Amino acid sequence: MTTLALFLVLLASFAHSSWNFLLKRSENKEIFVWGLLVAASVLLAPVGVLLAWIHPFEPVAWWFVVATIVLHTL
């Protein structure tokens, strides 16, 4: 395992445990989750566009992208 992979796994586990802790302590859980998803979408959308620009994928893959967006929106 490379150092980068280990760092990313530890970072992901810290992020997930942090937002779960904050969610449990929040008074309005629905608004907290909504705000978290909006913030993540706004912050990660440019990364997704950049990666799609650098590494374009086949047209059939766009169906999966659209399906994922719709499912997360619902």
C-alpha atoms as a PDB file:
ATOM      1  CA  MET A   1       0.000   0.000   0.000  1.00  0.00           C
ATOM      2  CA  THR A   2       1.371   3.362  -0.942  1.00  0.00           C
ATOM      3  CA  THR A   3       1.545   6.276   1.431  1.00  0.00           C
ATOM      4  CA  LEU A   4      -0.933   8.238  -0.695  1.00  0.00           C
ATOM      5  CA  ALA A   5      -3.492   5.418  -0.572  1.00  0.00           C
ATOM      6  CA  LEU A   6      -3.137   5.113   3.176  1.00  0.00           C
ATOM      7  CA  PHE A   7      -3.510   8.873   3.587  1.00  0.00           C
ATOM      8  CA  LEU A   8      -6.652   8.927   1.436  1.00  0.00           C
ATOM      9  CA  VAL A   9      -8.234   6.054   3.375  1.00  0.00           C
ATOM     10  CA  LEU A  10      -7.479   7.764   6.691  1.00  0.00           C
ATOM     11  CA  LEU A  11      -8.782  11.083   5.392  1.00  0.00           C
ATOM     12  CA  ALA A  12     -12.003   9.468   4.161  1.00  0.00           C
ATOM     13  CA  SER A  13     -12.550   7.696   7.471  1.00  0.00           C
ATOM     14  CA  PHE A  14     -11.981  10.938   9.374  1.00  0.00           C
ATOM     15  CA  ALA A  15     -14.380  12.829   7.098  1.00  0.00           C
ATOM     16  CA  HIS A  16     -17.120  10.224   7.462  1.00  0.00           C
ATOM     17  CA  SER A  17     -16.771   9.933  11.216  1.00  0.00           C
ATOM     18  CA  SER A  18     -16.751  13.732  11.572  1.00  0.00           C
ATOM     19  CA  TRP A  19     -19.927  14.336   9.621  1.00  0.00           C
ATOM     20  CA  ASN A  20     -21.661  11.427  11.355  1.00  0.00           C
ATOM     21  CA  PHE A  21     -20.716  12.925  14.728  1.00  0.00           C
ATOM     22  CA  LEU A  22     -21.938  16.368  13.683  1.00  0.00           C
ATOM     23  CA  LEU A  23     -25.158  14.918  12.285  1.00  0.00           C
ATOM     24  CA  LYS A  24     -25.947  13.141  15.545  1.00  0.00           C
ATOM     25  CA  ARG A  25     -25.430  16.370  17.493  1.00  0.00           C
ATOM     26  CA  SER A  26     -27.438  18.606  15.127  1.00  0.00           C
ATOM     27  CA  GLU A  27     -30.917  19.738  16.085  1.00  0.00           C
ATOM     28  CA  ASN A  28     -32.378  19.613  12.575  1.00  0.00           C
ATOM     29  CA  LYS A  29     -30.896  16.567  10.879  1.00  0.00           C
ATOM     30  CA  GLU A  30     -32.649  17.023   7.524  1.00  0.00           C
ATOM     31  CA  ILE A  31     -31.316  20.532   7.057  1.00  0.00           C
ATOM     32  CA  PHE A  32     -27.841  19.451   8.147  1.00  0.00           C
ATOM     33  CA  VAL A  33     -27.757  16.619   5.581  1.00  0.00           C
ATOM     34  CA  TRP A  34     -29.165  18.898   2.885  1.00  0.00           C
ATOM     35  CA  GLY A  35     -26.520  21.534   3.587  1.00  0.00           C
ATOM     36  CA  LEU A  36     -23.792  18.912   3.632  1.00  0.00           C
ATOM     37  CA  LEU A  37     -24.868  17.539   0.248  1.00  0.00           C
ATOM     38  CA  VAL A  38     -25.134  21.008  -1.270  1.00  0.00           C
ATOM     39  CA  ALA A  39     -21.675  21.959   0.003  1.00  0.00           C
ATOM     40  CA  ALA A  40     -20.157  18.711  -1.268  1.00  0.00           C
ATOM     41  CA  SER A  41     -21.826  19.137  -4.660  1.00  0.00           C
ATOM     42  CA  VAL A  42     -20.633  22.714  -5.046  1.00  0.00           C
ATOM     43  CA  LEU A  43     -17.086  21.864  -3.966  1.00  0.00           C
ATOM     44  CA  LEU A  44     -16.762  18.647  -5.979  1.00  0.00           C
ATOM     45  CA  ALA A  45     -18.565  19.663  -9.198  1.00  0.00           C
ATOM     46  CA  PRO A  46     -15.504  21.509 -10.572  1.00  0.00           C
ATOM     47  CA  VAL A  47     -13.346  18.466  -9.818  1.00  0.00           C
ATOM     48  CA  GLY A  48     -15.779  16.239 -11.721  1.00  0.00           C
ATOM     49  CA  VAL A  49     -15.833  18.594 -14.699  1.00  0.00           C
ATOM     50  CA  LEU A  50     -12.046  18.780 -14.719  1.00  0.00           C
ATOM     51  CA  LEU A  51     -11.663  15.010 -14.565  1.00  0.00           C
ATOM     52  CA  ALA A  52     -14.247  14.532 -17.328  1.00  0.00           C
ATOM     53  CA  TRP A  53     -12.337  17.053 -19.433  1.00  0.00           C
ATOM     54  CA  ILE A  54      -8.956  15.402 -18.865  1.00  0.00           C
ATOM     55  CA  HIS A  55     -10.210  11.796 -19.105  1.00  0.00           C
ATOM     56  CA  PRO A  56     -13.303  11.813 -21.329  1.00  0.00           C
ATOM     57  CA  PHE A  57     -15.480   8.731 -21.160  1.00  0.00           C
ATOM     58  CA  GLU A  58     -17.686   7.051 -23.708  1.00  0.00           C
ATOM     59  CA  PRO A  59     -21.197   8.353 -24.445  1.00  0.00           C
ATOM     60  CA  VAL A  60     -22.875   5.350 -22.802  1.00  0.00           C
ATOM     61  CA  ALA A  61     -21.211   6.330 -19.512  1.00  0.00           C
ATOM     62  CA  TRP A  62     -23.181   9.594 -19.468  1.00  0.00           C
ATOM     63  CA  TRP A  63     -26.329   7.556 -18.734  1.00  0.00           C
ATOM     64  CA  PHE A  64     -24.690   6.419 -15.497  1.00  0.00           C
ATOM     65  CA  VAL A  65     -23.631   9.968 -14.671  1.00  0.00           C
ATOM     66  CA  VAL A  66     -27.156  11.276 -15.237  1.00  0.00           C
ATOM     67  CA  ALA A  67     -28.687   8.378 -13.267  1.00  0.00           C
ATOM     68  CA  THR A  68     -26.347   9.082 -10.351  1.00  0.00           C
ATOM     69  CA  ILE A  69     -27.221  12.783 -10.382  1.00  0.00           C
ATOM     70  CA  VAL A  70     -30.959  12.021 -10.456  1.00  0.00           C
ATOM     71  CA  LEU A  71     -30.708   9.468  -7.633  1.00  0.00           C
ATOM     72  CA  HIS A  72     -28.692  11.808  -5.440  1.00  0.00           C
ATOM     73  CA  THR A  73     -31.109  14.645  -6.140  1.00  0.00           C
ATOM     74  CA  LEU A  74     -34.098  12.541  -5.133  1.00  0.00           C
END
